[in-house]
Amino acid sequence: MIEFPITLVFWHWWIIGVALLGLEMLISGTFFLWMGAAAGVTGALLLIFSDPSWQIQFLIFAVVSVLSIFGWRAWRKTHPPAATDHPHLNQRTEQYVGRIIALDQTLENGRGSILIDCTMWELVAESGVDFPVGAQMRVIGSTGGALTIGPV
């Protein structure tokens, strides 16, 4: 039989759980969250039950991890996130879609920039042609950090 080099006790699992929760903060996606919770549950079970072998401990951790991850996904499918009244809150370029702007400098080859709400934005005309200063343009989309515009 393979022997584990150290004896795992409850606080080892709690440290693993905290490390997994820390990893969840760095790499979001709620995957490591449930593995961290499973490590915490494994540690709590070790407090209750007397010294199971490391194989049983890893089995408990694996089963609780898989059940919690798939349980969360199943619950999330039946309970989708609520709609918000600010759908573009963290998507700054999407907030400008539909807005009409007047060019303050000439667009050459369909490219230029403009100051909107104290922020300098790169402009890309969908047609790729030149537009004079003062031309009225509508923001029709965004690509990366650039606003895609078209004539009104």
C-alpha atoms as a PDB file:
ATOM      1  CA  MET A   1       0.000   0.000   0.000  1.00  0.00           C
ATOM      2  CA  ILE A   2       1.204   3.518  -0.790  1.00  0.00           C
ATOM      3  CA  GLU A   3       1.890   5.594   2.291  1.00  0.00           C
ATOM      4  CA  PHE A   4       1.315   9.356   2.298  1.00  0.00           C
ATOM      5  CA  PRO A   5       4.438  11.162   3.581  1.00  0.00           C
ATOM      6  CA  ILE A   6       2.522  13.151   6.219  1.00  0.00           C
ATOM      7  CA  THR A   7      -0.638  12.643   8.201  1.00  0.00           C
ATOM      8  CA  LEU A   8      -3.362  14.985   6.999  1.00  0.00           C
ATOM      9  CA  VAL A   9      -5.393  16.625   9.746  1.00  0.00           C
ATOM     10  CA  PHE A  10      -8.385  18.965   9.574  1.00  0.00           C
ATOM     11  CA  TRP A  11      -6.409  22.191   9.513  1.00  0.00           C
ATOM     12  CA  HIS A  12      -4.445  21.033   6.438  1.00  0.00           C
ATOM     13  CA  TRP A  13      -7.728  20.857   4.550  1.00  0.00           C
ATOM     14  CA  TRP A  14      -8.745  24.278   5.830  1.00  0.00           C
ATOM     15  CA  ILE A  15      -5.457  25.765   4.592  1.00  0.00           C
ATOM     16  CA  ILE A  16      -6.026  24.107   1.218  1.00  0.00           C
ATOM     17  CA  GLY A  17      -9.561  25.554   1.212  1.00  0.00           C
ATOM     18  CA  VAL A  18      -8.322  29.076   1.944  1.00  0.00           C
ATOM     19  CA  ALA A  19      -5.667  28.724  -0.782  1.00  0.00           C
ATOM     20  CA  LEU A  20      -8.328  27.630  -3.272  1.00  0.00           C
ATOM     21  CA  LEU A  21     -10.545  30.567  -2.277  1.00  0.00           C
ATOM     22  CA  GLY A  22      -7.566  32.879  -2.801  1.00  0.00           C
ATOM     23  CA  LEU A  23      -7.024  31.325  -6.210  1.00  0.00           C
ATOM     24  CA  GLU A  24     -10.704  31.965  -6.972  1.00  0.00           C
ATOM     25  CA  MET A  25     -10.150  35.657  -6.271  1.00  0.00           C
ATOM     26  CA  LEU A  26      -7.309  35.710  -8.819  1.00  0.00           C
ATOM     27  CA  ILE A  27      -9.006  33.520 -11.442  1.00  0.00           C
ATOM     28  CA  SER A  28     -12.739  34.069 -11.215  1.00  0.00           C
ATOM     29  CA  GLY A  29     -15.298  31.640 -12.551  1.00  0.00           C
ATOM     30  CA  THR A  30     -16.670  30.042  -9.350  1.00  0.00           C
ATOM     31  CA  PHE A  31     -14.792  26.797 -10.033  1.00  0.00           C
ATOM     32  CA  PHE A  32     -12.185  27.075  -7.283  1.00  0.00           C
ATOM     33  CA  LEU A  33     -14.805  28.498  -4.930  1.00  0.00           C
ATOM     34  CA  TRP A  34     -16.574  25.152  -4.759  1.00  0.00           C
ATOM     35  CA  MET A  35     -13.324  23.198  -4.492  1.00  0.00           C
ATOM     36  CA  GLY A  36     -12.340  25.457  -1.569  1.00  0.00           C
ATOM     37  CA  ALA A  37     -15.691  24.797   0.053  1.00  0.00           C
ATOM     38  CA  ALA A  38     -15.167  21.054  -0.485  1.00  0.00           C
ATOM     39  CA  ALA A  39     -11.783  21.287   1.247  1.00  0.00           C
ATOM     40  CA  GLY A  40     -13.476  23.065   4.157  1.00  0.00           C
ATOM     41  CA  VAL A  41     -16.149  20.361   4.358  1.00  0.00           C
ATOM     42  CA  THR A  42     -13.450  17.670   4.274  1.00  0.00           C
ATOM     43  CA  GLY A  43     -11.661  19.405   7.154  1.00  0.00           C
ATOM     44  CA  ALA A  44     -14.905  19.663   9.124  1.00  0.00           C
ATOM     45  CA  LEU A  45     -15.607  15.959   8.593  1.00  0.00           C
ATOM     46  CA  LEU A  46     -12.120  15.155   9.899  1.00  0.00           C
ATOM     47  CA  LEU A  47     -12.993  17.014  13.091  1.00  0.00           C
ATOM     48  CA  ILE A  48     -16.085  14.846  13.544  1.00  0.00           C
ATOM     49  CA  PHE A  49     -14.783  11.451  12.453  1.00  0.00           C
ATOM     50  CA  SER A  50     -11.645   9.800  13.731  1.00  0.00           C
ATOM     51  CA  ASP A  51      -8.630   9.796  11.440  1.00  0.00           C
ATOM     52  CA  PRO A  52      -9.708   8.300   8.095  1.00  0.00           C
ATOM     53  CA  SER A  53      -6.912   7.327   5.709  1.00  0.00           C
ATOM     54  CA  TRP A  54      -5.625   9.861   3.213  1.00  0.00           C
ATOM     55  CA  GLN A  55      -7.300   7.909   0.397  1.00  0.00           C
ATOM     56  CA  ILE A  56     -10.698   8.339   2.068  1.00  0.00           C
ATOM     57  CA  GLN A  57      -9.955  12.037   2.661  1.00  0.00           C
ATOM     58  CA  PHE A  58      -9.130  12.598  -1.012  1.00  0.00           C
ATOM     59  CA  LEU A  59     -12.213  10.632  -2.023  1.00  0.00           C
ATOM     60  CA  ILE A  60     -14.406  12.820   0.208  1.00  0.00           C
ATOM     61  CA  PHE A  61     -12.782  15.947  -1.228  1.00  0.00           C
ATOM     62  CA  ALA A  62     -13.257  14.759  -4.834  1.00  0.00           C
ATOM     63  CA  VAL A  63     -16.882  13.719  -4.347  1.00  0.00           C
ATOM     64  CA  VAL A  64     -17.859  16.912  -2.518  1.00  0.00           C
ATOM     65  CA  SER A  65     -16.016  19.009  -5.149  1.00  0.00           C
ATOM     66  CA  VAL A  66     -17.776  17.365  -8.072  1.00  0.00           C
ATOM     67  CA  LEU A  67     -21.184  17.451  -6.377  1.00  0.00           C
ATOM     68  CA  SER A  68     -20.852  21.103  -5.408  1.00  0.00           C
ATOM     69  CA  ILE A  69     -19.626  22.209  -8.860  1.00  0.00           C
ATOM     70  CA  PHE A  70     -22.346  20.359 -10.748  1.00  0.00           C
ATOM     71  CA  GLY A  71     -24.932  21.326  -8.130  1.00  0.00           C
ATOM     72  CA  TRP A  72     -24.037  24.997  -8.563  1.00  0.00           C
ATOM     73  CA  ARG A  73     -24.253  24.746 -12.342  1.00  0.00           C
ATOM     74  CA  ALA A  74     -27.649  23.034 -12.142  1.00  0.00           C
ATOM     75  CA  TRP A  75     -28.949  25.636  -9.678  1.00  0.00           C
ATOM     76  CA  ARG A  76     -27.604  28.469 -11.858  1.00  0.00           C
ATOM     77  CA  LYS A  77     -29.457  27.126 -14.904  1.00  0.00           C
ATOM     78  CA  THR A  78     -32.760  27.202 -13.051  1.00  0.00           C
ATOM     79  CA  HIS A  79     -32.027  30.546 -11.339  1.00  0.00           C
ATOM     80  CA  PRO A  80     -30.388  32.859 -13.928  1.00  0.00           C
ATOM     81  CA  PRO A  81     -29.060  36.220 -12.760  1.00  0.00           C
ATOM     82  CA  ALA A  82     -31.637  38.997 -12.568  1.00  0.00           C
ATOM     83  CA  ALA A  83     -31.780  41.549 -15.339  1.00  0.00           C
ATOM     84  CA  THR A  84     -30.240  44.882 -14.439  1.00  0.00           C
ATOM     85  CA  ASP A  85     -31.311  48.407 -15.244  1.00  0.00           C
ATOM     86  CA  HIS A  86     -27.655  49.193 -16.151  1.00  0.00           C
ATOM     87  CA  PRO A  87     -26.675  46.430 -18.605  1.00  0.00           C
ATOM     88  CA  HIS A  88     -23.633  48.328 -19.926  1.00  0.00           C
ATOM     89  CA  LEU A  89     -22.270  49.420 -16.554  1.00  0.00           C
ATOM     90  CA  ASN A  90     -18.786  47.930 -17.002  1.00  0.00           C
ATOM     91  CA  GLN A  91     -18.748  48.140 -20.794  1.00  0.00           C
ATOM     92  CA  ARG A  92     -17.852  51.762 -21.435  1.00  0.00           C
ATOM     93  CA  THR A  93     -17.727  51.552 -25.208  1.00  0.00           C
ATOM     94  CA  GLU A  94     -21.214  49.992 -25.336  1.00  0.00           C
ATOM     95  CA  GLN A  95     -22.603  52.967 -23.406  1.00  0.00           C
ATOM     96  CA  TYR A  96     -21.972  55.191 -26.424  1.00  0.00           C
ATOM     97  CA  VAL A  97     -23.725  53.029 -29.049  1.00  0.00           C
ATOM     98  CA  GLY A  98     -26.511  55.075 -30.653  1.00  0.00           C
ATOM     99  CA  ARG A  99     -25.043  58.414 -29.549  1.00  0.00           C
ATOM    100  CA  ILE A 100     -24.652  61.127 -32.195  1.00  0.00           C
ATOM    101  CA  ILE A 101     -21.370  63.024 -32.123  1.00  0.00           C
ATOM    102  CA  ALA A 102     -19.933  65.936 -34.092  1.00  0.00           C
ATOM    103  CA  LEU A 103     -16.363  65.420 -35.264  1.00  0.00           C
ATOM    104  CA  ASP A 104     -13.911  67.953 -33.875  1.00  0.00           C
ATOM    105  CA  GLN A 105     -11.139  66.871 -36.246  1.00  0.00           C
ATOM    106  CA  THR A 106     -10.996  65.349 -39.716  1.00  0.00           C
ATOM    107  CA  LEU A 107     -11.166  61.579 -40.073  1.00  0.00           C
ATOM    108  CA  GLU A 108      -8.500  60.427 -42.522  1.00  0.00           C
ATOM    109  CA  ASN A 109      -8.848  56.967 -44.070  1.00  0.00           C
ATOM    110  CA  GLY A 110     -11.755  56.386 -41.695  1.00  0.00           C
ATOM    111  CA  ARG A 111      -9.627  56.815 -38.550  1.00  0.00           C
ATOM    112  CA  GLY A 112      -9.352  59.542 -35.965  1.00  0.00           C
ATOM    113  CA  SER A 113     -10.054  60.437 -32.370  1.00  0.00           C
ATOM    114  CA  ILE A 114     -12.492  62.513 -30.365  1.00  0.00           C
ATOM    115  CA  LEU A 115     -12.913  63.735 -26.810  1.00  0.00           C
ATOM    116  CA  ILE A 116     -16.189  62.434 -25.317  1.00  0.00           C
ATOM    117  CA  ASP A 117     -17.036  62.909 -21.631  1.00  0.00           C
ATOM    118  CA  CYS A 118     -13.437  63.795 -20.712  1.00  0.00           C
ATOM    119  CA  THR A 119     -12.047  60.662 -22.387  1.00  0.00           C
ATOM    120  CA  MET A 120     -10.154  60.497 -25.669  1.00  0.00           C
ATOM    121  CA  TRP A 121     -11.635  57.783 -27.912  1.00  0.00           C
ATOM    122  CA  GLU A 122     -10.256  56.281 -31.082  1.00  0.00           C
ATOM    123  CA  LEU A 123     -12.784  56.433 -33.931  1.00  0.00           C
ATOM    124  CA  VAL A 124     -13.066  53.998 -36.814  1.00  0.00           C
ATOM    125  CA  ALA A 125     -15.523  54.770 -39.622  1.00  0.00           C
ATOM    126  CA  GLU A 126     -17.211  51.637 -40.937  1.00  0.00           C
ATOM    127  CA  SER A 127     -16.864  52.864 -44.524  1.00  0.00           C
ATOM    128  CA  GLY A 128     -13.161  53.766 -44.125  1.00  0.00           C
ATOM    129  CA  VAL A 129     -13.550  57.115 -45.933  1.00  0.00           C
ATOM    130  CA  ASP A 130     -12.646  60.660 -44.898  1.00  0.00           C
ATOM    131  CA  PHE A 131     -15.093  62.880 -43.004  1.00  0.00           C
ATOM    132  CA  PRO A 132     -14.687  66.650 -42.398  1.00  0.00           C
ATOM    133  CA  VAL A 133     -14.721  68.513 -39.104  1.00  0.00           C
ATOM    134  CA  GLY A 134     -18.281  69.033 -37.839  1.00  0.00           C
ATOM    135  CA  ALA A 135     -19.740  65.979 -39.592  1.00  0.00           C
ATOM    136  CA  GLN A 136     -22.547  64.368 -37.596  1.00  0.00           C
ATOM    137  CA  MET A 137     -21.748  60.713 -36.913  1.00  0.00           C
ATOM    138  CA  ARG A 138     -23.571  57.973 -35.010  1.00  0.00           C
ATOM    139  CA  VAL A 139     -21.707  55.484 -32.827  1.00  0.00           C
ATOM    140  CA  ILE A 140     -22.794  52.093 -34.168  1.00  0.00           C
ATOM    141  CA  GLY A 141     -20.547  49.737 -32.229  1.00  0.00           C
ATOM    142  CA  SER A 142     -17.141  49.164 -30.767  1.00  0.00           C
ATOM    143  CA  THR A 143     -14.077  47.099 -31.467  1.00  0.00           C
ATOM    144  CA  GLY A 144     -11.729  46.765 -28.524  1.00  0.00           C
ATOM    145  CA  GLY A 145     -11.265  50.306 -27.222  1.00  0.00           C
ATOM    146  CA  ALA A 146     -12.282  52.017 -30.480  1.00  0.00           C
ATOM    147  CA  LEU A 147     -15.733  53.366 -31.315  1.00  0.00           C
ATOM    148  CA  THR A 148     -17.099  52.367 -34.718  1.00  0.00           C
ATOM    149  CA  ILE A 149     -19.032  55.213 -36.333  1.00  0.00           C
ATOM    150  CA  GLY A 150     -21.211  55.797 -39.382  1.00  0.00           C
ATOM    151  CA  PRO A 151     -22.924  58.826 -40.893  1.00  0.00           C
ATOM    152  CA  VAL A 152     -26.265  59.898 -39.407  1.00  0.00           C
END
